[in-house]
Amino acid sequence: MTDTADLPLSPPDTGPGPVSGSPAGVPVPAGDVPALVRESWLASLELTDCAPEDNFFSLGGNSLLVAALITRLRARLGVALRMGTLLKNPTLDAFTAAVADEYGAARAEGRPGSR
């Protein structure tokens, strides 16, 4: 049995450090979203490259990596992405398009973090 005194007080790191682009809370230009998504995707999978048609799960992705990727993108883009976005769009190009659409909708509606 684990003694709770041995558990960390803060949540665990959700993956490699921050990706390049705007820091959390600073709006990202819409044109930068595809590059940010690609960089986050590759960092989550610990890859240096992949093709646009590559499937996240075929490259070794799992539910924990999905959660880490979505959390990272939420923080960077300021939009309420859901894990289902990646589950429904498992290729890099489809996921990038879905994230860009959500980011564009958030900007159009003036949601916080997307201006």
C-alpha atoms as a PDB file:
ATOM      1  CA  MET A   1       0.000   0.000   0.000  1.00  0.00           C
ATOM      2  CA  THR A   2       1.265   3.480  -0.849  1.00  0.00           C
ATOM      3  CA  ASP A   3       1.544   6.048   1.899  1.00  0.00           C
ATOM      4  CA  THR A   4      -0.200   9.233   0.711  1.00  0.00           C
ATOM      5  CA  ALA A   5       2.686  11.270   2.127  1.00  0.00           C
ATOM      6  CA  ASP A   6       4.792   9.824  -0.708  1.00  0.00           C
ATOM      7  CA  LEU A   7       2.459  11.129  -3.423  1.00  0.00           C
ATOM      8  CA  PRO A   8       3.258  14.390  -5.222  1.00  0.00           C
ATOM      9  CA  LEU A   9       1.183  17.443  -4.336  1.00  0.00           C
ATOM     10  CA  SER A  10       1.072  18.731  -7.901  1.00  0.00           C
ATOM     11  CA  PRO A  11      -0.302  16.933 -10.969  1.00  0.00           C
ATOM     12  CA  PRO A  12       2.170  14.960 -13.051  1.00  0.00           C
ATOM     13  CA  ASP A  13       3.779  16.487 -16.116  1.00  0.00           C
ATOM     14  CA  THR A  14       1.614  15.836 -19.181  1.00  0.00           C
ATOM     15  CA  GLY A  15       4.491  15.373 -21.562  1.00  0.00           C
ATOM     16  CA  PRO A  16       7.576  17.034 -22.913  1.00  0.00           C
ATOM     17  CA  GLY A  17       7.997  20.758 -22.279  1.00  0.00           C
ATOM     18  CA  PRO A  18       6.094  23.500 -24.041  1.00  0.00           C
ATOM     19  CA  VAL A  19       6.145  23.657 -27.782  1.00  0.00           C
ATOM     20  CA  SER A  20       7.288  26.710 -29.673  1.00  0.00           C
ATOM     21  CA  GLY A  21       4.783  29.410 -30.548  1.00  0.00           C
ATOM     22  CA  SER A  22       2.897  31.673 -28.217  1.00  0.00           C
ATOM     23  CA  PRO A  23       3.032  30.940 -24.499  1.00  0.00           C
ATOM     24  CA  ALA A  24      -0.135  29.823 -22.747  1.00  0.00           C
ATOM     25  CA  GLY A  25      -2.734  32.561 -22.578  1.00  0.00           C
ATOM     26  CA  VAL A  26      -1.297  34.550 -25.498  1.00  0.00           C
ATOM     27  CA  PRO A  27      -3.397  34.334 -28.674  1.00  0.00           C
ATOM     28  CA  VAL A  28      -1.886  32.310 -31.504  1.00  0.00           C
ATOM     29  CA  PRO A  29      -2.271  33.696 -35.045  1.00  0.00           C
ATOM     30  CA  ALA A  30      -4.634  31.413 -36.989  1.00  0.00           C
ATOM     31  CA  GLY A  31      -1.887  30.734 -39.553  1.00  0.00           C
ATOM     32  CA  ASP A  32       0.326  29.277 -36.816  1.00  0.00           C
ATOM     33  CA  VAL A  33      -2.232  26.691 -35.671  1.00  0.00           C
ATOM     34  CA  PRO A  34      -1.206  23.912 -38.124  1.00  0.00           C
ATOM     35  CA  ALA A  35       2.462  24.194 -37.134  1.00  0.00           C
ATOM     36  CA  LEU A  36       1.554  24.217 -33.433  1.00  0.00           C
ATOM     37  CA  VAL A  37      -0.686  21.161 -33.835  1.00  0.00           C
ATOM     38  CA  ARG A  38       2.017  19.271 -35.767  1.00  0.00           C
ATOM     39  CA  GLU A  39       4.715  20.120 -33.251  1.00  0.00           C
ATOM     40  CA  SER A  40       2.491  19.126 -30.324  1.00  0.00           C
ATOM     41  CA  TRP A  41       1.483  15.886 -32.082  1.00  0.00           C
ATOM     42  CA  LEU A  42       5.106  14.923 -32.727  1.00  0.00           C
ATOM     43  CA  ALA A  43       6.175  15.842 -29.186  1.00  0.00           C
ATOM     44  CA  SER A  44       3.352  13.772 -27.683  1.00  0.00           C
ATOM     45  CA  LEU A  45       4.435  10.747 -29.699  1.00  0.00           C
ATOM     46  CA  GLU A  46       8.147  11.503 -29.191  1.00  0.00           C
ATOM     47  CA  LEU A  47       8.684  11.549 -32.961  1.00  0.00           C
ATOM     48  CA  THR A  48      10.690  13.869 -35.173  1.00  0.00           C
ATOM     49  CA  ASP A  49       8.558  13.478 -38.303  1.00  0.00           C
ATOM     50  CA  CYS A  50       5.448  11.848 -39.731  1.00  0.00           C
ATOM     51  CA  ALA A  51       3.258  12.092 -42.817  1.00  0.00           C
ATOM     52  CA  PRO A  52      -0.039  14.004 -42.837  1.00  0.00           C
ATOM     53  CA  GLU A  53      -1.970  10.770 -43.365  1.00  0.00           C
ATOM     54  CA  ASP A  54      -0.322   8.979 -40.417  1.00  0.00           C
ATOM     55  CA  ASN A  55      -2.697   7.738 -37.735  1.00  0.00           C
ATOM     56  CA  PHE A  56      -1.987   8.805 -34.140  1.00  0.00           C
ATOM     57  CA  PHE A  57      -2.757   5.339 -32.789  1.00  0.00           C
ATOM     58  CA  SER A  58      -0.775   3.477 -35.449  1.00  0.00           C
ATOM     59  CA  LEU A  59       2.234   5.583 -34.441  1.00  0.00           C
ATOM     60  CA  GLY A  60       1.981   4.406 -30.830  1.00  0.00           C
ATOM     61  CA  GLY A  61      -0.599   6.815 -29.445  1.00  0.00           C
ATOM     62  CA  ASN A  62      -2.891   5.754 -26.620  1.00  0.00           C
ATOM     63  CA  SER A  63      -5.524   7.361 -24.399  1.00  0.00           C
ATOM     64  CA  LEU A  64      -2.946   8.867 -22.052  1.00  0.00           C
ATOM     65  CA  LEU A  65      -1.102  10.475 -24.952  1.00  0.00           C
ATOM     66  CA  VAL A  66      -4.414  11.750 -26.352  1.00  0.00           C
ATOM     67  CA  ALA A  67      -5.130  13.412 -22.997  1.00  0.00           C
ATOM     68  CA  ALA A  68      -1.648  14.950 -22.916  1.00  0.00           C
ATOM     69  CA  LEU A  69      -1.939  16.282 -26.468  1.00  0.00           C
ATOM     70  CA  ILE A  70      -5.410  17.736 -25.930  1.00  0.00           C
ATOM     71  CA  THR A  71      -4.334  19.318 -22.634  1.00  0.00           C
ATOM     72  CA  ARG A  72      -1.288  20.888 -24.280  1.00  0.00           C
ATOM     73  CA  LEU A  73      -3.323  22.288 -27.174  1.00  0.00           C
ATOM     74  CA  ARG A  74      -6.061  23.586 -24.865  1.00  0.00           C
ATOM     75  CA  ALA A  75      -3.455  25.500 -22.885  1.00  0.00           C
ATOM     76  CA  ARG A  76      -1.689  26.859 -25.957  1.00  0.00           C
ATOM     77  CA  LEU A  77      -4.754  27.752 -28.034  1.00  0.00           C
ATOM     78  CA  GLY A  78      -7.256  28.618 -25.324  1.00  0.00           C
ATOM     79  CA  VAL A  79     -10.022  26.513 -26.877  1.00  0.00           C
ATOM     80  CA  ALA A  80     -12.043  23.740 -25.281  1.00  0.00           C
ATOM     81  CA  LEU A  81     -10.867  20.830 -27.400  1.00  0.00           C
ATOM     82  CA  ARG A  82     -12.225  17.416 -26.495  1.00  0.00           C
ATOM     83  CA  MET A  83     -10.474  14.068 -26.630  1.00  0.00           C
ATOM     84  CA  GLY A  84     -13.134  12.986 -29.110  1.00  0.00           C
ATOM     85  CA  THR A  85     -11.693  15.453 -31.614  1.00  0.00           C
ATOM     86  CA  LEU A  86      -8.643  13.214 -31.992  1.00  0.00           C
ATOM     87  CA  LEU A  87     -10.614   9.988 -31.718  1.00  0.00           C
ATOM     88  CA  LYS A  88     -12.830  11.080 -34.635  1.00  0.00           C
ATOM     89  CA  ASN A  89      -9.903  12.549 -36.585  1.00  0.00           C
ATOM     90  CA  PRO A  90      -6.944  10.231 -35.914  1.00  0.00           C
ATOM     91  CA  THR A  91      -4.724  11.334 -38.819  1.00  0.00           C
ATOM     92  CA  LEU A  92      -2.525  14.385 -38.516  1.00  0.00           C
ATOM     93  CA  ASP A  93      -4.173  16.210 -41.422  1.00  0.00           C
ATOM     94  CA  ALA A  94      -7.736  15.505 -40.242  1.00  0.00           C
ATOM     95  CA  PHE A  95      -6.912  16.430 -36.641  1.00  0.00           C
ATOM     96  CA  THR A  96      -5.159  19.629 -37.735  1.00  0.00           C
ATOM     97  CA  ALA A  97      -8.196  20.642 -39.793  1.00  0.00           C
ATOM     98  CA  ALA A  98     -10.551  19.924 -36.873  1.00  0.00           C
ATOM     99  CA  VAL A  99      -8.417  21.944 -34.439  1.00  0.00           C
ATOM    100  CA  ALA A 100      -8.098  24.823 -36.921  1.00  0.00           C
ATOM    101  CA  ASP A 101     -11.885  24.827 -37.403  1.00  0.00           C
ATOM    102  CA  GLU A 102     -12.489  24.917 -33.645  1.00  0.00           C
ATOM    103  CA  TYR A 103      -9.909  27.660 -33.198  1.00  0.00           C
ATOM    104  CA  GLY A 104     -11.464  29.694 -36.019  1.00  0.00           C
ATOM    105  CA  ALA A 105     -14.946  29.288 -34.509  1.00  0.00           C
ATOM    106  CA  ALA A 106     -13.650  30.341 -31.096  1.00  0.00           C
ATOM    107  CA  ARG A 107     -12.027  33.442 -32.580  1.00  0.00           C
ATOM    108  CA  ALA A 108     -15.181  34.338 -34.506  1.00  0.00           C
ATOM    109  CA  GLU A 109     -17.247  34.046 -31.321  1.00  0.00           C
ATOM    110  CA  GLY A 110     -14.652  36.020 -29.342  1.00  0.00           C
ATOM    111  CA  ARG A 111     -14.095  33.229 -26.816  1.00  0.00           C
ATOM    112  CA  PRO A 112     -11.288  33.932 -24.328  1.00  0.00           C
ATOM    113  CA  GLY A 113      -7.790  32.928 -25.389  1.00  0.00           C
ATOM    114  CA  SER A 114      -8.639  32.846 -29.093  1.00  0.00           C
ATOM    115  CA  ARG A 115      -8.539  36.531 -30.011  1.00  0.00           C
END
